[in-house]
Amino acid sequence: MAELTYYCGTMDSGKSTLALQTAHNHQSRGRTGLIFTNKDRAGSGIISSRLGLSSPAIEVIPALDIHKFVVDALSAGDRIDYIICDEAQFYEPVQIEQLARIVDGLGIDVYAFGILSDFRTMLFPGSARLVELADRVNTLQVEALCWCGSRATHNARTVGGVMVVEGEQVVVGDVSPGSEVGYEVLCRRHHMRQVTARASRAGHVSSQPLPFNQ
């Protein structure tokens, strides 16, 4: 039986790396599949890992009907044994429902990867629907760390180096030095207290923002 599996974690927990590894494992056994992504840090139509790995991917824009896309590909004679969906937190809830239809109606395994909650500790709509529909929800075992050394469980947004807890859910983060908008992973205690690495003078801030690219 095909399954819809969701692998979730904070940034820096290896989601894209695992997505690329999963695709590699299937491909090495002669299986063929599709790779989807949305707003990857490297740009449109690519899935990238902070370890330097990357692969071409299909960009999931809001208007894309993933179920229809897959059905059309199968009708054209393509073979699809599996589907990889990275940055799934950014997918529309209806697109998550389409993934479930692909699993149940077409018998294709779908592996989704994403961030569970945003900088306000609120679930992303795509992640919420995945939690509701997935056959399995797995928390990634590679633990990102807060500046204090504890397990990081929350994503924090900073503006001008100061943590903020209000604003739009998706905001572009700049990777250039001195960028105004940045992101950092924190443990729950320091997220609730709004104590970032800079505020604590710990001297370490994640150099990579969340992959919010337009």
N, C-alpha and C. Protein backbone atom coordinates (compact mmCIF):
# COMPACT_ATOMS: atom_id res chain seq x y z
N MET A 1 0.85 -1.19 0.00
CA MET A 1 0.00 0.00 0.00
C MET A 1 0.89 1.24 0.00
N ALA A 2 0.54 2.19 -0.86
CA ALA A 2 1.28 3.46 -0.91
C ALA A 2 0.95 4.28 0.33
N GLU A 3 1.88 5.18 0.72
CA GLU A 3 1.69 6.00 1.90
C GLU A 3 2.10 7.44 1.64
N LEU A 4 1.48 8.34 2.40
CA LEU A 4 1.87 9.75 2.44
C LEU A 4 2.62 9.95 3.75
N THR A 5 3.90 10.23 3.66
CA THR A 5 4.75 10.38 4.84
C THR A 5 5.27 11.80 4.92
N TYR A 6 5.17 12.40 6.12
CA TYR A 6 5.65 13.76 6.32
C TYR A 6 6.83 13.76 7.30
N TYR A 7 7.97 14.26 6.83
CA TYR A 7 9.14 14.43 7.67
C TYR A 7 9.27 15.91 8.00
N CYS A 8 9.24 16.25 9.28
CA CYS A 8 9.24 17.65 9.65
C CYS A 8 10.29 17.97 10.70
N GLY A 9 10.70 19.21 10.74
CA GLY A 9 11.68 19.67 11.71
C GLY A 9 11.91 21.15 11.56
N THR A 10 12.79 21.71 12.38
CA THR A 10 13.14 23.12 12.25
C THR A 10 14.12 23.27 11.09
N MET A 11 14.45 24.51 10.75
CA MET A 11 15.53 24.69 9.78
C MET A 11 16.81 24.16 10.42
N ASP A 12 17.77 23.79 9.57
CA ASP A 12 19.05 23.20 10.00
C ASP A 12 18.91 21.77 10.51
N SER A 13 17.75 21.13 10.30
CA SER A 13 17.59 19.76 10.78
C SER A 13 17.78 18.73 9.66
N GLY A 14 18.13 19.18 8.47
CA GLY A 14 18.46 18.26 7.39
C GLY A 14 17.31 17.79 6.53
N LYS A 15 16.25 18.58 6.42
CA LYS A 15 15.07 18.16 5.64
C LYS A 15 15.40 17.98 4.17
N SER A 16 16.01 19.00 3.57
CA SER A 16 16.32 18.90 2.14
C SER A 16 17.38 17.85 1.86
N THR A 17 18.32 17.70 2.78
CA THR A 17 19.34 16.65 2.63
C THR A 17 18.67 15.28 2.61
N LEU A 18 17.73 15.06 3.52
CA LEU A 18 17.03 13.77 3.56
C LEU A 18 16.16 13.58 2.32
N ALA A 19 15.56 14.66 1.83
CA ALA A 19 14.75 14.56 0.62
C ALA A 19 15.61 14.12 -0.57
N LEU A 20 16.79 14.73 -0.70
CA LEU A 20 17.69 14.35 -1.78
C LEU A 20 18.23 12.93 -1.60
N GLN A 21 18.49 12.54 -0.36
CA GLN A 21 18.96 11.18 -0.09
C GLN A 21 17.89 10.16 -0.41
N THR A 22 16.63 10.49 -0.08
CA THR A 22 15.52 9.59 -0.39
C THR A 22 15.38 9.39 -1.88
N ALA A 23 15.48 10.49 -2.64
CA ALA A 23 15.41 10.39 -4.09
C ALA A 23 16.56 9.55 -4.63
N HIS A 24 17.74 9.75 -4.09
CA HIS A 24 18.92 8.98 -4.53
C HIS A 24 18.73 7.49 -4.27
N ASN A 25 18.21 7.16 -3.08
CA ASN A 25 18.01 5.75 -2.75
C ASN A 25 17.07 5.06 -3.72
N HIS A 26 15.99 5.74 -4.09
CA HIS A 26 15.04 5.18 -5.05
C HIS A 26 15.67 5.06 -6.43
N GLN A 27 16.37 6.11 -6.85
CA GLN A 27 16.98 6.11 -8.18
C GLN A 27 18.05 5.03 -8.31
N SER A 28 18.77 4.77 -7.22
CA SER A 28 19.83 3.75 -7.27
C SER A 28 19.27 2.34 -7.41
N ARG A 29 17.96 2.19 -7.17
CA ARG A 29 17.30 0.90 -7.33
C ARG A 29 16.46 0.86 -8.61
N GLY A 30 16.72 1.82 -9.51
CA GLY A 30 16.06 1.82 -10.80
C GLY A 30 14.66 2.38 -10.79
N ARG A 31 14.28 3.04 -9.70
CA ARG A 31 12.94 3.62 -9.61
C ARG A 31 12.95 5.06 -10.14
N THR A 32 11.82 5.47 -10.68
CA THR A 32 11.70 6.79 -11.29
C THR A 32 10.63 7.59 -10.57
N GLY A 33 10.90 8.86 -10.32
CA GLY A 33 9.92 9.67 -9.61
C GLY A 33 9.99 11.14 -9.98
N LEU A 34 9.20 11.92 -9.26
CA LEU A 34 9.13 13.36 -9.46
C LEU A 34 9.58 14.06 -8.18
N ILE A 35 10.25 15.19 -8.34
CA ILE A 35 10.68 15.99 -7.21
C ILE A 35 10.05 17.37 -7.31
N PHE A 36 9.33 17.77 -6.28
CA PHE A 36 8.68 19.08 -6.24
C PHE A 36 9.30 19.91 -5.11
N THR A 37 9.25 21.23 -5.26
CA THR A 37 9.71 22.11 -4.20
C THR A 37 8.98 23.45 -4.32
N ASN A 38 9.20 24.31 -3.33
CA ASN A 38 8.56 25.62 -3.32
C ASN A 38 9.43 26.59 -2.52
N LYS A 39 9.83 27.68 -3.17
CA LYS A 39 10.59 28.74 -2.51
C LYS A 39 11.90 28.26 -1.91
N ASP A 40 12.61 27.42 -2.63
CA ASP A 40 13.91 26.96 -2.15
C ASP A 40 14.89 28.13 -2.10
N ARG A 41 15.84 28.07 -1.18
CA ARG A 41 16.81 29.15 -1.01
C ARG A 41 17.64 29.37 -2.27
N ALA A 42 17.79 28.33 -3.11
CA ALA A 42 18.63 28.44 -4.30
C ALA A 42 17.88 29.02 -5.50
N GLY A 43 16.57 29.22 -5.36
CA GLY A 43 15.79 29.77 -6.46
C GLY A 43 14.71 28.83 -6.95
N SER A 44 14.00 29.25 -7.97
CA SER A 44 12.88 28.49 -8.49
C SER A 44 13.35 27.25 -9.25
N GLY A 45 12.62 26.16 -9.07
CA GLY A 45 12.89 24.94 -9.83
C GLY A 45 14.13 24.19 -9.41
N ILE A 46 14.50 24.29 -8.13
CA ILE A 46 15.66 23.55 -7.65
C ILE A 46 15.45 23.22 -6.18
N ILE A 47 15.94 22.07 -5.77
CA ILE A 47 15.95 21.70 -4.36
C ILE A 47 17.42 21.65 -3.93
N SER A 48 17.74 22.34 -2.85
CA SER A 48 19.13 22.43 -2.42
C SER A 48 19.26 22.15 -0.93
N SER A 49 20.41 21.65 -0.55
CA SER A 49 20.73 21.37 0.84
C SER A 49 21.85 22.28 1.29
N ARG A 50 21.87 22.61 2.57
CA ARG A 50 22.94 23.44 3.10
C ARG A 50 24.29 22.74 3.06
N LEU A 51 24.28 21.43 2.81
CA LEU A 51 25.52 20.68 2.67
C LEU A 51 26.11 20.82 1.27
N GLY A 52 25.39 21.49 0.36
CA GLY A 52 25.89 21.71 -0.99
C GLY A 52 25.28 20.81 -2.04
N LEU A 53 24.38 19.91 -1.66
CA LEU A 53 23.71 19.04 -2.61
C LEU A 53 22.55 19.78 -3.27
N SER A 54 22.23 19.41 -4.50
CA SER A 54 21.10 20.05 -5.18
C SER A 54 20.59 19.15 -6.29
N SER A 55 19.38 19.45 -6.75
CA SER A 55 18.77 18.68 -7.83
C SER A 55 17.68 19.53 -8.49
N PRO A 56 17.49 19.40 -9.78
CA PRO A 56 16.36 20.10 -10.42
C PRO A 56 15.05 19.61 -9.82
N ALA A 57 14.06 20.48 -9.76
CA ALA A 57 12.77 20.12 -9.19
C ALA A 57 11.67 20.92 -9.88
N ILE A 58 10.45 20.49 -9.68
CA ILE A 58 9.29 21.18 -10.24
C ILE A 58 8.79 22.18 -9.20
N GLU A 59 8.72 23.45 -9.59
CA GLU A 59 8.28 24.50 -8.67
C GLU A 59 6.76 24.42 -8.47
N VAL A 60 6.34 24.36 -7.22
CA VAL A 60 4.93 24.26 -6.89
C VAL A 60 4.37 25.67 -6.68
N ILE A 61 3.79 26.23 -7.73
CA ILE A 61 3.13 27.52 -7.60
C ILE A 61 1.72 27.28 -7.06
N PRO A 62 1.07 28.29 -6.49
CA PRO A 62 -0.26 28.09 -5.89
C PRO A 62 -1.30 27.51 -6.86
N ALA A 63 -1.18 27.83 -8.14
CA ALA A 63 -2.18 27.38 -9.10
C ALA A 63 -1.95 25.96 -9.61
N LEU A 64 -0.83 25.34 -9.25
CA LEU A 64 -0.52 24.01 -9.78
C LEU A 64 -1.42 22.95 -9.16
N ASP A 65 -2.07 22.18 -10.01
CA ASP A 65 -2.84 21.02 -9.58
C ASP A 65 -1.90 19.81 -9.66
N ILE A 66 -1.36 19.40 -8.54
CA ILE A 66 -0.35 18.35 -8.54
C ILE A 66 -0.94 17.02 -8.99
N HIS A 67 -2.16 16.74 -8.58
CA HIS A 67 -2.81 15.49 -8.99
C HIS A 67 -2.96 15.44 -10.50
N LYS A 68 -3.43 16.51 -11.10
CA LYS A 68 -3.60 16.56 -12.55
C LYS A 68 -2.25 16.47 -13.25
N PHE A 69 -1.25 17.11 -12.70
CA PHE A 69 0.09 17.06 -13.28
C PHE A 69 0.58 15.62 -13.34
N VAL A 70 0.38 14.88 -12.27
CA VAL A 70 0.83 13.49 -12.21
C VAL A 70 0.01 12.62 -13.16
N VAL A 71 -1.30 12.80 -13.16
CA VAL A 71 -2.16 12.03 -14.05
C VAL A 71 -1.79 12.27 -15.51
N ASP A 72 -1.53 13.53 -15.87
CA ASP A 72 -1.14 13.86 -17.25
C ASP A 72 0.19 13.19 -17.61
N ALA A 73 1.11 13.17 -16.65
CA ALA A 73 2.41 12.54 -16.91
C ALA A 73 2.25 11.03 -17.11
N LEU A 74 1.42 10.41 -16.29
CA LEU A 74 1.17 8.98 -16.44
C LEU A 74 0.47 8.68 -17.77
N SER A 75 -0.46 9.54 -18.14
CA SER A 75 -1.19 9.36 -19.41
C SER A 75 -0.26 9.49 -20.61
N ALA A 76 0.80 10.28 -20.44
CA ALA A 76 1.77 10.46 -21.52
C ALA A 76 2.79 9.31 -21.57
N GLY A 77 2.64 8.35 -20.66
CA GLY A 77 3.52 7.19 -20.67
C GLY A 77 4.68 7.25 -19.71
N ASP A 78 4.74 8.30 -18.88
CA ASP A 78 5.83 8.39 -17.91
C ASP A 78 5.64 7.38 -16.79
N ARG A 79 6.74 6.93 -16.24
CA ARG A 79 6.70 6.03 -15.10
C ARG A 79 6.98 6.84 -13.83
N ILE A 80 6.12 6.71 -12.83
CA ILE A 80 6.29 7.44 -11.57
C ILE A 80 6.13 6.45 -10.42
N ASP A 81 7.24 6.13 -9.78
CA ASP A 81 7.22 5.18 -8.67
C ASP A 81 7.11 5.87 -7.31
N TYR A 82 7.53 7.13 -7.26
CA TYR A 82 7.51 7.87 -5.99
C TYR A 82 7.48 9.37 -6.29
N ILE A 83 7.13 10.14 -5.27
CA ILE A 83 7.12 11.60 -5.39
C ILE A 83 7.77 12.19 -4.15
N ILE A 84 8.70 13.12 -4.36
CA ILE A 84 9.36 13.86 -3.29
C ILE A 84 8.81 15.28 -3.28
N CYS A 85 8.40 15.77 -2.11
CA CYS A 85 7.87 17.13 -1.99
C CYS A 85 8.64 17.87 -0.90
N ASP A 86 9.57 18.73 -1.30
CA ASP A 86 10.33 19.50 -0.33
C ASP A 86 9.66 20.85 -0.09
N GLU A 87 9.98 21.48 1.03
CA GLU A 87 9.37 22.77 1.44
C GLU A 87 7.85 22.67 1.42
N ALA A 88 7.34 21.54 1.88
CA ALA A 88 5.90 21.28 1.81
C ALA A 88 5.07 22.21 2.67
N GLN A 89 5.71 22.89 3.62
CA GLN A 89 4.96 23.83 4.45
C GLN A 89 4.37 24.97 3.63
N PHE A 90 4.97 25.25 2.46
CA PHE A 90 4.50 26.34 1.63
C PHE A 90 3.42 25.93 0.63
N TYR A 91 3.09 24.63 0.55
CA TYR A 91 2.06 24.19 -0.39
C TYR A 91 0.69 24.64 0.12
N GLU A 92 -0.23 24.82 -0.81
CA GLU A 92 -1.61 25.14 -0.44
C GLU A 92 -2.25 23.90 0.19
N PRO A 93 -3.15 24.08 1.16
CA PRO A 93 -3.83 22.91 1.75
C PRO A 93 -4.47 22.02 0.70
N VAL A 94 -5.05 22.62 -0.35
CA VAL A 94 -5.68 21.82 -1.39
C VAL A 94 -4.64 20.98 -2.12
N GLN A 95 -3.41 21.46 -2.22
CA GLN A 95 -2.35 20.68 -2.87
C GLN A 95 -1.94 19.49 -2.00
N ILE A 96 -2.02 19.64 -0.69
CA ILE A 96 -1.76 18.51 0.20
C ILE A 96 -2.85 17.45 0.01
N GLU A 97 -4.08 17.90 -0.16
CA GLU A 97 -5.17 16.96 -0.43
C GLU A 97 -4.95 16.24 -1.75
N GLN A 98 -4.39 16.94 -2.72
CA GLN A 98 -4.08 16.31 -4.00
C GLN A 98 -3.01 15.23 -3.83
N LEU A 99 -2.06 15.46 -2.95
CA LEU A 99 -1.04 14.43 -2.68
C LEU A 99 -1.67 13.19 -2.09
N ALA A 100 -2.62 13.39 -1.19
CA ALA A 100 -3.32 12.24 -0.59
C ALA A 100 -4.10 11.47 -1.66
N ARG A 101 -4.68 12.18 -2.61
CA ARG A 101 -5.41 11.52 -3.70
C ARG A 101 -4.47 10.72 -4.58
N ILE A 102 -3.26 11.24 -4.77
CA ILE A 102 -2.26 10.52 -5.57
C ILE A 102 -1.90 9.20 -4.89
N VAL A 103 -1.73 9.25 -3.58
CA VAL A 103 -1.40 8.03 -2.82
C VAL A 103 -2.53 7.02 -2.89
N ASP A 104 -3.75 7.48 -2.60
CA ASP A 104 -4.88 6.56 -2.51
C ASP A 104 -5.40 6.09 -3.86
N GLY A 105 -5.41 7.01 -4.83
CA GLY A 105 -6.00 6.67 -6.13
C GLY A 105 -5.02 6.12 -7.14
N LEU A 106 -3.76 6.54 -7.05
CA LEU A 106 -2.77 6.11 -8.04
C LEU A 106 -1.75 5.15 -7.47
N GLY A 107 -1.75 4.96 -6.16
CA GLY A 107 -0.84 4.00 -5.54
C GLY A 107 0.61 4.40 -5.59
N ILE A 108 0.88 5.71 -5.53
CA ILE A 108 2.26 6.22 -5.57
C ILE A 108 2.65 6.74 -4.20
N ASP A 109 3.81 6.32 -3.71
CA ASP A 109 4.30 6.81 -2.42
C ASP A 109 4.69 8.28 -2.53
N VAL A 110 4.29 9.07 -1.54
CA VAL A 110 4.65 10.48 -1.49
C VAL A 110 5.42 10.74 -0.20
N TYR A 111 6.60 11.36 -0.36
CA TYR A 111 7.44 11.72 0.79
C TYR A 111 7.53 13.24 0.85
N ALA A 112 6.94 13.83 1.89
CA ALA A 112 6.93 15.28 2.04
C ALA A 112 7.90 15.69 3.14
N PHE A 113 8.54 16.83 2.95
CA PHE A 113 9.52 17.34 3.90
C PHE A 113 9.24 18.82 4.14
N GLY A 114 9.27 19.24 5.40
CA GLY A 114 9.00 20.65 5.64
C GLY A 114 9.15 21.08 7.09
N ILE A 115 8.94 22.36 7.29
CA ILE A 115 8.98 22.98 8.61
C ILE A 115 7.57 22.96 9.18
N LEU A 116 7.44 22.56 10.41
CA LEU A 116 6.12 22.42 11.01
C LEU A 116 5.48 23.77 11.34
N SER A 117 6.21 24.65 12.01
CA SER A 117 5.63 25.91 12.46
C SER A 117 6.50 27.10 12.08
N ASP A 118 5.87 28.28 12.05
CA ASP A 118 6.57 29.49 11.63
C ASP A 118 7.22 30.20 12.81
N PHE A 119 7.70 31.41 12.57
CA PHE A 119 8.41 32.16 13.61
C PHE A 119 7.51 32.58 14.76
N ARG A 120 6.18 32.49 14.55
CA ARG A 120 5.23 32.83 15.61
C ARG A 120 4.79 31.58 16.38
N THR A 121 5.39 30.44 16.08
CA THR A 121 5.06 29.12 16.62
C THR A 121 3.69 28.64 16.15
N MET A 122 3.20 29.18 15.04
CA MET A 122 1.93 28.76 14.45
C MET A 122 2.20 27.80 13.30
N LEU A 123 1.35 26.78 13.16
CA LEU A 123 1.52 25.82 12.07
C LEU A 123 1.35 26.49 10.71
N PHE A 124 2.23 26.14 9.78
CA PHE A 124 2.01 26.54 8.40
C PHE A 124 0.78 25.81 7.89
N PRO A 125 -0.06 26.42 7.05
CA PRO A 125 -1.25 25.75 6.54
C PRO A 125 -0.95 24.42 5.85
N GLY A 126 0.11 24.38 5.05
CA GLY A 126 0.47 23.13 4.38
C GLY A 126 0.86 22.05 5.37
N SER A 127 1.62 22.43 6.39
CA SER A 127 2.03 21.46 7.42
C SER A 127 0.84 20.98 8.23
N ALA A 128 -0.07 21.89 8.55
CA ALA A 128 -1.26 21.51 9.33
C ALA A 128 -2.06 20.46 8.57
N ARG A 129 -2.23 20.65 7.26
CA ARG A 129 -3.01 19.69 6.47
C ARG A 129 -2.27 18.37 6.35
N LEU A 130 -0.96 18.42 6.29
CA LEU A 130 -0.18 17.18 6.24
C LEU A 130 -0.32 16.39 7.53
N VAL A 131 -0.27 17.08 8.66
CA VAL A 131 -0.45 16.40 9.94
C VAL A 131 -1.82 15.73 10.00
N GLU A 132 -2.82 16.38 9.41
CA GLU A 132 -4.18 15.85 9.42
C GLU A 132 -4.35 14.65 8.49
N LEU A 133 -3.61 14.62 7.38
CA LEU A 133 -3.85 13.62 6.35
C LEU A 133 -2.77 12.55 6.21
N ALA A 134 -1.57 12.82 6.67
CA ALA A 134 -0.47 11.89 6.42
C ALA A 134 -0.68 10.55 7.12
N ASP A 135 -0.22 9.49 6.47
CA ASP A 135 -0.23 8.17 7.10
C ASP A 135 0.77 8.12 8.25
N ARG A 136 1.89 8.84 8.07
CA ARG A 136 2.91 8.90 9.11
C ARG A 136 3.50 10.30 9.17
N VAL A 137 3.73 10.80 10.38
CA VAL A 137 4.43 12.07 10.58
C VAL A 137 5.68 11.77 11.40
N ASN A 138 6.84 12.01 10.82
CA ASN A 138 8.10 11.68 11.47
C ASN A 138 8.91 12.95 11.77
N THR A 139 9.33 13.11 13.01
CA THR A 139 10.21 14.21 13.36
C THR A 139 11.63 13.82 13.02
N LEU A 140 12.34 14.69 12.33
CA LEU A 140 13.70 14.38 11.91
C LEU A 140 14.59 14.15 13.12
N GLN A 141 15.47 13.17 13.01
CA GLN A 141 16.30 12.78 14.13
C GLN A 141 17.57 13.62 14.27
N VAL A 142 17.94 14.34 13.19
CA VAL A 142 19.09 15.24 13.29
C VAL A 142 18.63 16.51 13.97
N GLU A 143 19.12 16.75 15.17
CA GLU A 143 18.63 17.86 15.97
C GLU A 143 19.41 19.14 15.70
N ALA A 144 18.68 20.20 15.32
CA ALA A 144 19.29 21.52 15.26
C ALA A 144 19.45 22.01 16.69
N LEU A 145 20.43 22.87 16.92
CA LEU A 145 20.73 23.31 18.28
C LEU A 145 20.51 24.81 18.45
N CYS A 146 19.96 25.16 19.59
CA CYS A 146 19.86 26.55 20.01
C CYS A 146 21.26 27.04 20.37
N TRP A 147 21.45 28.35 20.44
CA TRP A 147 22.75 28.89 20.82
C TRP A 147 23.22 28.40 22.18
N CYS A 148 22.26 27.99 23.02
CA CYS A 148 22.62 27.53 24.36
C CYS A 148 23.05 26.07 24.38
N GLY A 149 22.89 25.38 23.26
CA GLY A 149 23.27 23.98 23.18
C GLY A 149 22.12 23.01 23.33
N SER A 150 20.95 23.51 23.74
CA SER A 150 19.77 22.66 23.86
C SER A 150 19.17 22.40 22.48
N ARG A 151 18.30 21.40 22.40
CA ARG A 151 17.66 21.08 21.13
C ARG A 151 16.78 22.24 20.67
N ALA A 152 16.99 22.68 19.45
CA ALA A 152 16.19 23.78 18.90
C ALA A 152 14.84 23.24 18.44
N THR A 153 13.77 23.88 18.86
CA THR A 153 12.42 23.43 18.52
C THR A 153 11.61 24.50 17.81
N HIS A 154 12.12 25.73 17.76
CA HIS A 154 11.37 26.84 17.20
C HIS A 154 12.24 27.69 16.27
N ASN A 155 11.58 28.26 15.26
CA ASN A 155 12.26 29.16 14.33
C ASN A 155 11.96 30.60 14.74
N ALA A 156 12.98 31.41 14.84
CA ALA A 156 12.81 32.81 15.22
C ALA A 156 13.16 33.72 14.04
N ARG A 157 12.40 34.79 13.88
CA ARG A 157 12.71 35.79 12.86
C ARG A 157 13.29 37.02 13.55
N THR A 158 14.34 37.56 12.96
CA THR A 158 14.93 38.79 13.48
C THR A 158 14.87 39.88 12.41
N VAL A 159 14.65 41.08 12.85
CA VAL A 159 14.67 42.25 11.97
C VAL A 159 15.68 43.22 12.55
N GLY A 160 16.73 43.47 11.80
CA GLY A 160 17.79 44.31 12.31
C GLY A 160 18.46 43.71 13.53
N GLY A 161 18.45 42.38 13.61
CA GLY A 161 19.09 41.69 14.72
C GLY A 161 18.21 41.51 15.94
N VAL A 162 16.98 42.05 15.89
CA VAL A 162 16.07 41.96 17.02
C VAL A 162 14.94 40.99 16.70
N MET A 163 14.66 40.05 17.59
CA MET A 163 13.61 39.06 17.36
C MET A 163 12.24 39.71 17.32
N VAL A 164 11.41 39.27 16.37
CA VAL A 164 10.04 39.76 16.24
C VAL A 164 9.08 38.58 16.30
N VAL A 165 7.88 38.82 16.78
CA VAL A 165 6.87 37.75 16.89
C VAL A 165 5.57 38.13 16.17
N GLU A 166 5.60 39.19 15.40
CA GLU A 166 4.45 39.60 14.62
C GLU A 166 4.89 39.91 13.20
N GLY A 167 3.96 39.78 12.26
CA GLY A 167 4.26 40.06 10.86
C GLY A 167 3.71 39.00 9.94
N GLU A 168 3.95 39.17 8.65
CA GLU A 168 3.50 38.21 7.66
C GLU A 168 4.16 36.85 7.89
N GLN A 169 3.42 35.79 7.58
CA GLN A 169 3.97 34.45 7.81
C GLN A 169 5.17 34.16 6.94
N VAL A 170 5.13 34.60 5.69
CA VAL A 170 6.23 34.37 4.76
C VAL A 170 6.85 35.72 4.39
N VAL A 171 8.11 35.88 4.74
CA VAL A 171 8.86 37.10 4.44
C VAL A 171 10.21 36.69 3.89
N VAL A 172 10.66 37.37 2.83
CA VAL A 172 11.93 37.05 2.21
C VAL A 172 13.06 37.30 3.19
N GLY A 173 13.94 36.31 3.32
CA GLY A 173 15.14 36.45 4.16
C GLY A 173 16.36 36.56 3.29
N ASP A 174 17.22 37.53 3.58
CA ASP A 174 18.41 37.76 2.78
C ASP A 174 19.60 37.02 3.38
N VAL A 175 20.37 36.34 2.53
CA VAL A 175 21.52 35.58 3.03
C VAL A 175 22.78 36.44 3.09
N SER A 176 22.73 37.66 2.56
CA SER A 176 23.92 38.50 2.54
C SER A 176 24.24 39.02 3.93
N PRO A 177 25.51 39.25 4.22
CA PRO A 177 25.90 39.76 5.54
C PRO A 177 25.20 41.08 5.84
N GLY A 178 24.75 41.22 7.07
CA GLY A 178 24.10 42.46 7.46
C GLY A 178 22.67 42.59 6.98
N SER A 179 22.09 41.49 6.51
CA SER A 179 20.71 41.56 6.02
C SER A 179 19.78 41.93 7.15
N GLU A 180 18.74 42.68 6.81
CA GLU A 180 17.83 43.15 7.85
C GLU A 180 16.98 42.02 8.41
N VAL A 181 16.46 41.15 7.51
CA VAL A 181 15.61 40.05 7.94
C VAL A 181 16.43 38.77 7.98
N GLY A 182 16.45 38.10 9.13
CA GLY A 182 17.18 36.86 9.28
C GLY A 182 16.38 35.87 10.10
N TYR A 183 16.89 34.65 10.21
CA TYR A 183 16.21 33.60 10.96
C TYR A 183 17.21 32.84 11.82
N GLU A 184 16.73 32.33 12.93
CA GLU A 184 17.58 31.61 13.87
C GLU A 184 16.75 30.54 14.56
N VAL A 185 17.36 29.40 14.85
CA VAL A 185 16.64 28.35 15.58
C VAL A 185 16.93 28.48 17.07
N LEU A 186 15.88 28.32 17.88
CA LEU A 186 15.99 28.47 19.33
C LEU A 186 15.27 27.33 20.03
N CYS A 187 15.66 27.06 21.26
CA CYS A 187 14.88 26.16 22.10
C CYS A 187 13.61 26.91 22.53
N ARG A 188 12.62 26.19 23.05
CA ARG A 188 11.36 26.84 23.43
C ARG A 188 11.57 27.91 24.50
N ARG A 189 12.42 27.62 25.45
CA ARG A 189 12.63 28.56 26.56
C ARG A 189 13.14 29.90 26.06
N HIS A 190 14.13 29.87 25.17
CA HIS A 190 14.69 31.13 24.69
C HIS A 190 13.81 31.78 23.64
N HIS A 191 13.02 30.98 22.91
CA HIS A 191 12.07 31.58 21.97
C HIS A 191 11.00 32.35 22.74
N MET A 192 10.47 31.75 23.78
CA MET A 192 9.42 32.41 24.56
C MET A 192 9.95 33.66 25.27
N ARG A 193 11.22 33.63 25.64
CA ARG A 193 11.83 34.79 26.30
C ARG A 193 12.41 35.78 25.29
N GLN A 194 12.40 35.39 24.01
CA GLN A 194 12.92 36.22 22.92
C GLN A 194 14.40 36.53 23.12
N VAL A 195 15.15 35.50 23.53
CA VAL A 195 16.59 35.65 23.74
C VAL A 195 17.32 34.96 22.58
N THR A 196 17.78 35.75 21.64
CA THR A 196 18.53 35.21 20.51
C THR A 196 20.02 35.13 20.87
N ALA A 197 20.80 34.58 19.95
CA ALA A 197 22.23 34.49 20.18
C ALA A 197 22.84 35.87 20.35
N ARG A 198 22.37 36.80 19.53
CA ARG A 198 22.90 38.17 19.62
C ARG A 198 22.53 38.80 20.95
N ALA A 199 21.28 38.58 21.36
CA ALA A 199 20.84 39.16 22.63
C ALA A 199 21.59 38.55 23.81
N SER A 200 21.96 37.28 23.68
CA SER A 200 22.67 36.61 24.77
C SER A 200 24.17 36.84 24.72
N ARG A 201 24.61 37.45 23.60
CA ARG A 201 26.05 37.66 23.37
C ARG A 201 26.79 36.34 23.28
N ALA A 202 26.05 35.32 22.76
CA ALA A 202 26.68 34.01 22.61
C ALA A 202 27.64 33.98 21.43
N GLY A 203 27.47 34.93 20.52
CA GLY A 203 28.41 35.03 19.42
C GLY A 203 28.16 34.08 18.28
N HIS A 204 26.95 33.46 18.22
CA HIS A 204 26.67 32.55 17.11
C HIS A 204 25.25 32.77 16.62
N VAL A 205 25.13 33.04 15.33
CA VAL A 205 23.83 33.17 14.70
C VAL A 205 23.87 32.33 13.43
N SER A 206 22.82 31.59 13.15
CA SER A 206 22.76 30.79 11.94
C SER A 206 22.99 31.68 10.73
N SER A 207 23.90 31.29 9.86
CA SER A 207 24.25 32.11 8.70
C SER A 207 23.24 32.00 7.58
N GLN A 208 22.31 31.06 7.69
CA GLN A 208 21.35 30.82 6.63
C GLN A 208 19.93 31.14 7.10
N PRO A 209 19.17 31.93 6.34
CA PRO A 209 17.79 32.20 6.70
C PRO A 209 16.90 31.08 6.19
N LEU A 210 15.67 31.09 6.62
CA LEU A 210 14.70 30.16 6.04
C LEU A 210 14.62 30.41 4.55
N PRO A 211 14.33 29.41 3.75
CA PRO A 211 14.35 29.56 2.28
C PRO A 211 13.14 30.30 1.74
N PHE A 212 13.05 31.58 2.06
CA PHE A 212 11.95 32.39 1.56
C PHE A 212 12.46 33.25 0.41
N ASN A 213 12.38 32.70 -0.78
CA ASN A 213 12.83 33.43 -1.97
C ASN A 213 11.63 33.68 -2.86
N GLN A 214 11.61 34.81 -3.51
CA GLN A 214 10.50 35.12 -4.42
C GLN A 214 10.89 34.68 -5.82
